[in-house]
């Protein structure tokens, strides 16, 4: 099984909500506590952006662009990472990826945070229409 697999994308009207899920077998790794999980997004021609990160102890960080609207959470018992997205705008349209790496939630949402991630799921497209 791939370490991380994201699902839940789709079309949404502006102002709406969407919840992405990521099945992450990495939660079962013996060294799981060394990993942080993150959600990234990318639009064509732009650098991949870390929008939310979560450490193994549950500490979270968010990009300024999504703070107050997005919530990252994890259900370790069910090997699942979530991203609840509310008050969506067309600017949130992107391919969203979940990822895991031996890094930190702070690094996930920092510039070029994607360089710290080791495992990537196949992206899921989120399209917000106005």
N, C-alpha and C. Protein backbone atom coordinates (compact mmCIF):
# COMPACT_ATOMS: atom_id res chain seq x y z
N UNK A 1 0.84 -1.18 0.00
CA UNK A 1 0.00 0.00 0.00
C UNK A 1 0.88 1.24 0.00
N UNK A 2 0.50 2.22 -0.82
CA UNK A 2 1.26 3.45 -0.85
C UNK A 2 1.18 4.11 0.51
N UNK A 3 2.26 4.77 0.93
CA UNK A 3 2.26 5.39 2.26
C UNK A 3 1.15 6.41 2.45
N UNK A 4 0.80 7.18 1.41
CA UNK A 4 -0.24 8.17 1.53
C UNK A 4 -1.09 8.19 0.26
N UNK A 5 -2.40 8.27 0.42
CA UNK A 5 -3.32 8.29 -0.72
C UNK A 5 -4.43 9.29 -0.40
N UNK A 6 -4.55 10.34 -1.19
CA UNK A 6 -5.54 11.39 -0.93
C UNK A 6 -6.80 11.17 -1.75
N UNK A 7 -7.93 11.52 -1.15
CA UNK A 7 -9.22 11.46 -1.84
C UNK A 7 -10.08 12.63 -1.40
N UNK A 8 -11.17 12.86 -2.11
CA UNK A 8 -12.16 13.83 -1.66
C UNK A 8 -12.26 15.10 -2.45
N UNK A 9 -11.48 15.28 -3.47
CA UNK A 9 -11.57 16.50 -4.26
C UNK A 9 -12.83 16.53 -5.10
N UNK A 10 -13.06 17.68 -5.73
CA UNK A 10 -14.23 17.82 -6.58
C UNK A 10 -14.60 19.26 -6.77
N UNK A 11 -15.69 19.53 -7.47
CA UNK A 11 -16.15 20.90 -7.70
C UNK A 11 -17.01 21.38 -6.54
N UNK A 12 -16.81 22.64 -6.16
CA UNK A 12 -17.58 23.25 -5.07
C UNK A 12 -17.86 24.70 -5.43
N UNK A 13 -18.98 25.19 -5.00
CA UNK A 13 -19.32 26.60 -5.18
C UNK A 13 -18.54 27.44 -4.17
N UNK A 14 -18.21 28.64 -4.56
CA UNK A 14 -17.55 29.57 -3.64
C UNK A 14 -18.39 29.73 -2.38
N UNK A 15 -17.70 29.74 -1.25
CA UNK A 15 -18.38 29.83 0.03
C UNK A 15 -18.71 28.49 0.64
N UNK A 16 -18.53 27.45 -0.14
CA UNK A 16 -18.84 26.11 0.32
C UNK A 16 -17.70 25.46 1.07
N UNK A 17 -17.89 24.19 1.40
CA UNK A 17 -16.92 23.43 2.18
C UNK A 17 -16.61 22.11 1.49
N UNK A 18 -15.47 21.57 1.83
CA UNK A 18 -15.05 20.29 1.30
C UNK A 18 -14.08 19.68 2.29
N UNK A 19 -14.13 18.37 2.43
CA UNK A 19 -13.21 17.69 3.34
C UNK A 19 -12.40 16.68 2.55
N UNK A 20 -11.11 16.84 2.59
CA UNK A 20 -10.21 15.90 1.94
C UNK A 20 -9.74 14.86 2.96
N UNK A 21 -9.54 13.66 2.48
CA UNK A 21 -9.04 12.59 3.33
C UNK A 21 -7.77 12.02 2.72
N UNK A 22 -6.94 11.50 3.55
CA UNK A 22 -5.70 10.89 3.10
C UNK A 22 -5.46 9.64 3.92
N UNK A 23 -5.50 8.51 3.27
CA UNK A 23 -5.18 7.26 3.95
C UNK A 23 -3.67 7.17 4.05
N UNK A 24 -3.18 7.11 5.24
CA UNK A 24 -1.74 7.18 5.45
C UNK A 24 -1.26 5.98 6.25
N UNK A 25 -0.78 4.98 5.53
CA UNK A 25 -0.27 3.79 6.21
C UNK A 25 0.96 4.11 7.04
N UNK A 26 1.51 5.27 6.83
CA UNK A 26 2.70 5.67 7.56
C UNK A 26 2.44 5.76 9.06
N UNK A 27 1.16 5.93 9.45
CA UNK A 27 0.84 5.96 10.87
C UNK A 27 1.19 4.64 11.55
N UNK A 28 1.29 3.59 10.76
CA UNK A 28 1.63 2.28 11.31
C UNK A 28 3.12 2.00 11.35
N UNK A 29 3.91 2.94 10.84
CA UNK A 29 5.35 2.74 10.86
C UNK A 29 5.85 2.80 12.30
N UNK A 30 6.87 2.00 12.59
CA UNK A 30 7.40 1.97 13.96
C UNK A 30 8.02 3.31 14.34
N UNK A 31 8.50 4.05 13.35
CA UNK A 31 9.11 5.36 13.64
C UNK A 31 8.18 6.50 13.27
N UNK A 32 6.86 6.25 13.36
CA UNK A 32 5.88 7.27 12.95
C UNK A 32 6.13 8.61 13.65
N UNK A 33 6.52 8.59 14.91
CA UNK A 33 6.66 9.84 15.66
C UNK A 33 7.73 10.76 15.06
N UNK A 34 8.52 10.24 14.13
CA UNK A 34 9.52 11.08 13.48
C UNK A 34 8.94 11.86 12.31
N UNK A 35 7.68 11.57 11.98
CA UNK A 35 7.09 12.16 10.78
C UNK A 35 6.08 13.25 11.10
N UNK A 36 6.03 14.21 10.23
CA UNK A 36 4.95 15.18 10.21
C UNK A 36 4.18 14.97 8.91
N UNK A 37 2.91 15.32 8.95
CA UNK A 37 2.05 15.18 7.78
C UNK A 37 1.66 16.57 7.28
N UNK A 38 1.41 16.65 6.00
CA UNK A 38 1.04 17.95 5.47
C UNK A 38 0.12 17.87 4.27
N UNK A 39 -0.59 18.94 4.06
CA UNK A 39 -1.39 19.13 2.85
C UNK A 39 -0.75 20.26 2.04
N UNK A 40 -0.58 19.99 0.79
CA UNK A 40 -0.01 20.95 -0.14
C UNK A 40 -0.99 21.17 -1.29
N UNK A 41 -0.79 22.26 -2.00
CA UNK A 41 -1.59 22.47 -3.19
C UNK A 41 -0.72 23.14 -4.26
N UNK A 42 -1.13 22.91 -5.49
CA UNK A 42 -0.37 23.47 -6.60
C UNK A 42 -1.29 23.81 -7.76
N UNK A 43 -1.04 24.98 -8.35
CA UNK A 43 -1.72 25.37 -9.58
C UNK A 43 -0.66 25.45 -10.67
N UNK A 44 -1.05 25.25 -11.91
CA UNK A 44 -0.07 25.27 -13.00
C UNK A 44 0.74 26.56 -13.01
N UNK A 45 2.05 26.40 -13.14
CA UNK A 45 2.92 27.56 -13.23
C UNK A 45 3.34 28.14 -11.90
N UNK A 46 2.84 27.58 -10.82
CA UNK A 46 3.19 28.09 -9.49
C UNK A 46 3.87 27.00 -8.68
N UNK A 47 4.64 27.44 -7.70
CA UNK A 47 5.33 26.51 -6.82
C UNK A 47 4.33 25.82 -5.90
N UNK A 48 4.65 24.57 -5.55
CA UNK A 48 3.77 23.86 -4.63
C UNK A 48 3.79 24.56 -3.27
N UNK A 49 2.60 24.74 -2.70
CA UNK A 49 2.44 25.50 -1.46
C UNK A 49 1.95 24.59 -0.34
N UNK A 50 2.63 24.65 0.79
CA UNK A 50 2.15 23.93 1.95
C UNK A 50 1.05 24.73 2.63
N UNK A 51 -0.13 24.16 2.78
CA UNK A 51 -1.23 24.90 3.37
C UNK A 51 -1.49 24.52 4.82
N UNK A 52 -1.16 23.30 5.21
CA UNK A 52 -1.39 22.88 6.59
C UNK A 52 -0.46 21.73 6.93
N UNK A 53 0.04 21.76 8.15
CA UNK A 53 0.92 20.69 8.62
C UNK A 53 0.52 20.28 10.02
N UNK A 54 0.82 19.02 10.33
CA UNK A 54 0.52 18.51 11.66
C UNK A 54 1.64 17.58 12.10
N UNK A 55 2.09 17.80 13.32
CA UNK A 55 3.13 16.94 13.89
C UNK A 55 2.51 15.71 14.52
N UNK A 56 3.35 14.74 14.87
CA UNK A 56 2.84 13.51 15.46
C UNK A 56 2.15 13.77 16.80
N UNK A 57 2.53 14.85 17.47
CA UNK A 57 1.89 15.17 18.76
C UNK A 57 0.62 15.99 18.59
N UNK A 58 0.24 16.26 17.34
CA UNK A 58 -0.99 16.98 17.08
C UNK A 58 -0.83 18.48 16.88
N UNK A 59 0.37 19.00 17.04
CA UNK A 59 0.60 20.43 16.81
C UNK A 59 0.35 20.75 15.34
N UNK A 60 -0.31 21.86 15.10
CA UNK A 60 -0.67 22.23 13.73
C UNK A 60 -0.14 23.60 13.34
N UNK A 61 0.04 23.78 12.03
CA UNK A 61 0.45 25.07 11.47
C UNK A 61 -0.32 25.26 10.17
N UNK A 62 -0.56 26.52 9.84
CA UNK A 62 -1.31 26.83 8.63
C UNK A 62 -0.64 27.97 7.87
N UNK A 63 -0.79 27.91 6.57
CA UNK A 63 -0.39 29.04 5.76
C UNK A 63 -1.35 30.20 6.02
N UNK A 64 -0.85 31.42 5.92
CA UNK A 64 -1.69 32.59 6.17
C UNK A 64 -2.91 32.62 5.26
N UNK A 65 -2.76 32.09 4.06
CA UNK A 65 -3.84 32.15 3.07
C UNK A 65 -5.05 31.29 3.45
N UNK A 66 -4.85 30.35 4.38
CA UNK A 66 -5.96 29.45 4.74
C UNK A 66 -6.29 29.50 6.22
N UNK A 67 -5.52 30.26 6.98
CA UNK A 67 -5.71 30.29 8.42
C UNK A 67 -7.13 30.75 8.75
N UNK A 68 -7.78 30.01 9.65
CA UNK A 68 -9.15 30.33 10.03
C UNK A 68 -10.21 29.69 9.14
N UNK A 69 -9.77 29.14 8.02
CA UNK A 69 -10.72 28.51 7.09
C UNK A 69 -10.48 27.00 6.96
N UNK A 70 -9.22 26.59 7.04
CA UNK A 70 -8.87 25.18 6.87
C UNK A 70 -8.47 24.60 8.22
N UNK A 71 -8.78 23.31 8.41
CA UNK A 71 -8.39 22.61 9.62
C UNK A 71 -7.81 21.26 9.25
N UNK A 72 -6.60 21.01 9.71
CA UNK A 72 -5.96 19.72 9.50
C UNK A 72 -6.14 18.89 10.76
N UNK A 73 -6.40 17.61 10.58
CA UNK A 73 -6.55 16.73 11.73
C UNK A 73 -6.11 15.33 11.33
N UNK A 74 -5.92 14.49 12.33
CA UNK A 74 -5.49 13.13 12.03
C UNK A 74 -6.20 12.15 12.96
N UNK A 75 -6.51 11.00 12.41
CA UNK A 75 -7.11 9.90 13.15
C UNK A 75 -6.12 8.74 13.01
N UNK A 76 -5.21 8.67 13.97
CA UNK A 76 -4.14 7.68 13.86
C UNK A 76 -4.69 6.26 13.92
N UNK A 77 -5.74 6.05 14.69
CA UNK A 77 -6.30 4.70 14.82
C UNK A 77 -6.81 4.18 13.48
N UNK A 78 -7.24 5.10 12.64
CA UNK A 78 -7.76 4.71 11.32
C UNK A 78 -6.83 5.12 10.19
N UNK A 79 -5.59 5.47 10.55
CA UNK A 79 -4.58 5.80 9.53
C UNK A 79 -5.07 6.86 8.55
N UNK A 80 -5.70 7.89 9.06
CA UNK A 80 -6.28 8.88 8.16
C UNK A 80 -5.93 10.31 8.56
N UNK A 81 -5.58 11.08 7.56
CA UNK A 81 -5.32 12.52 7.70
C UNK A 81 -6.45 13.25 6.99
N UNK A 82 -6.90 14.36 7.58
CA UNK A 82 -8.01 15.11 6.99
C UNK A 82 -7.60 16.57 6.76
N UNK A 83 -8.31 17.18 5.83
CA UNK A 83 -8.23 18.63 5.66
C UNK A 83 -9.66 19.14 5.45
N UNK A 84 -10.20 19.78 6.46
CA UNK A 84 -11.52 20.40 6.35
C UNK A 84 -11.32 21.80 5.80
N UNK A 85 -11.99 22.08 4.69
CA UNK A 85 -11.84 23.38 4.03
C UNK A 85 -13.19 24.08 4.01
N UNK A 86 -13.25 25.25 4.61
CA UNK A 86 -14.48 26.03 4.67
C UNK A 86 -14.29 27.38 3.98
N UNK A 87 -15.39 28.04 3.69
CA UNK A 87 -15.36 29.37 3.07
C UNK A 87 -14.45 29.40 1.85
N UNK A 88 -14.62 28.43 1.01
CA UNK A 88 -13.74 28.28 -0.14
C UNK A 88 -13.95 29.40 -1.15
N UNK A 89 -12.87 29.78 -1.78
CA UNK A 89 -12.89 30.82 -2.82
C UNK A 89 -12.25 30.25 -4.09
N UNK A 90 -12.47 30.89 -5.22
CA UNK A 90 -11.84 30.42 -6.46
C UNK A 90 -10.31 30.34 -6.34
N UNK A 91 -9.73 31.16 -5.47
CA UNK A 91 -8.27 31.13 -5.29
C UNK A 91 -7.80 29.84 -4.63
N UNK A 92 -8.71 29.07 -4.08
CA UNK A 92 -8.34 27.78 -3.47
C UNK A 92 -8.32 26.66 -4.50
N UNK A 93 -8.71 26.96 -5.72
CA UNK A 93 -8.67 25.95 -6.78
C UNK A 93 -7.24 25.49 -7.03
N UNK A 94 -7.03 24.19 -6.95
CA UNK A 94 -5.69 23.64 -7.10
C UNK A 94 -5.77 22.12 -7.04
N UNK A 95 -4.67 21.49 -7.34
CA UNK A 95 -4.51 20.07 -7.05
C UNK A 95 -3.93 19.98 -5.64
N UNK A 96 -4.58 19.22 -4.80
CA UNK A 96 -4.17 19.09 -3.41
C UNK A 96 -3.49 17.74 -3.21
N UNK A 97 -2.40 17.79 -2.44
CA UNK A 97 -1.62 16.59 -2.17
C UNK A 97 -1.45 16.42 -0.66
N UNK A 98 -1.49 15.18 -0.20
CA UNK A 98 -1.05 14.91 1.16
C UNK A 98 0.35 14.34 1.09
N UNK A 99 1.10 14.55 2.13
CA UNK A 99 2.49 14.13 2.12
C UNK A 99 2.96 13.89 3.55
N UNK A 100 4.03 13.12 3.65
CA UNK A 100 4.63 12.82 4.95
C UNK A 100 6.13 13.01 4.84
N UNK A 101 6.74 13.46 5.92
CA UNK A 101 8.18 13.63 5.90
C UNK A 101 8.73 13.79 7.30
N UNK A 102 10.01 13.52 7.43
CA UNK A 102 10.67 13.69 8.73
C UNK A 102 11.06 15.15 8.85
N UNK A 103 10.06 15.94 9.16
CA UNK A 103 10.20 17.38 9.19
C UNK A 103 9.31 17.90 10.31
N UNK A 104 8.74 19.09 10.15
CA UNK A 104 7.85 19.63 11.16
C UNK A 104 6.69 20.33 10.49
N UNK A 105 5.63 20.53 11.24
CA UNK A 105 4.48 21.23 10.70
C UNK A 105 4.86 22.65 10.28
N UNK A 106 5.74 23.27 11.04
CA UNK A 106 6.18 24.62 10.71
C UNK A 106 6.89 24.63 9.36
N UNK A 107 7.73 23.64 9.14
CA UNK A 107 8.45 23.56 7.87
C UNK A 107 7.49 23.30 6.71
N UNK A 108 6.47 22.50 6.96
CA UNK A 108 5.50 22.19 5.91
C UNK A 108 4.94 23.47 5.30
N UNK A 109 4.60 24.45 6.14
CA UNK A 109 3.95 25.66 5.63
C UNK A 109 4.95 26.77 5.34
N UNK A 110 6.22 26.47 5.46
CA UNK A 110 7.24 27.46 5.12
C UNK A 110 7.54 27.40 3.62
N UNK A 111 8.22 28.41 3.14
CA UNK A 111 8.56 28.43 1.72
C UNK A 111 9.36 27.19 1.36
N UNK A 112 9.00 26.54 0.29
CA UNK A 112 9.65 25.33 -0.22
C UNK A 112 9.58 24.19 0.80
N UNK A 113 8.52 24.21 1.60
CA UNK A 113 8.35 23.15 2.59
C UNK A 113 8.23 21.77 1.97
N UNK A 114 7.85 21.73 0.71
CA UNK A 114 7.70 20.44 0.04
C UNK A 114 9.01 19.68 -0.05
N UNK A 115 10.13 20.38 0.07
CA UNK A 115 11.42 19.70 -0.04
C UNK A 115 11.67 18.78 1.15
N UNK A 116 10.93 18.95 2.24
CA UNK A 116 11.15 18.12 3.41
C UNK A 116 10.29 16.88 3.45
N UNK A 117 9.47 16.69 2.42
CA UNK A 117 8.54 15.56 2.43
C UNK A 117 9.10 14.39 1.64
N UNK A 118 8.90 13.19 2.20
CA UNK A 118 9.44 11.99 1.57
C UNK A 118 8.40 11.20 0.80
N UNK A 119 7.17 11.23 1.27
CA UNK A 119 6.12 10.43 0.65
C UNK A 119 5.00 11.35 0.19
N UNK A 120 4.57 11.12 -1.05
CA UNK A 120 3.54 11.94 -1.66
C UNK A 120 2.41 11.08 -2.18
N UNK A 121 1.20 11.54 -1.93
CA UNK A 121 0.05 10.89 -2.52
C UNK A 121 -0.24 11.48 -3.88
N UNK A 122 -1.01 10.75 -4.65
CA UNK A 122 -1.49 11.28 -5.93
C UNK A 122 -2.42 12.44 -5.63
N UNK A 123 -2.30 13.53 -6.35
CA UNK A 123 -3.10 14.69 -6.07
C UNK A 123 -4.57 14.51 -6.35
N UNK A 124 -5.38 15.33 -5.70
CA UNK A 124 -6.81 15.35 -5.94
C UNK A 124 -7.22 16.78 -6.28
N UNK A 125 -7.97 16.94 -7.37
CA UNK A 125 -8.30 18.27 -7.86
C UNK A 125 -9.49 18.85 -7.13
N UNK A 126 -9.31 20.08 -6.66
CA UNK A 126 -10.38 20.85 -6.03
C UNK A 126 -10.65 22.06 -6.91
N UNK A 127 -11.89 22.22 -7.35
CA UNK A 127 -12.26 23.32 -8.23
C UNK A 127 -13.37 24.12 -7.59
N UNK A 128 -13.10 25.41 -7.37
CA UNK A 128 -14.08 26.28 -6.74
C UNK A 128 -14.61 27.25 -7.80
N UNK A 129 -15.90 27.24 -7.97
CA UNK A 129 -16.52 28.12 -8.96
C UNK A 129 -17.21 29.29 -8.27
N UNK A 130 -17.13 30.44 -8.93
CA UNK A 130 -17.73 31.65 -8.32
C UNK A 130 -19.19 31.79 -8.70
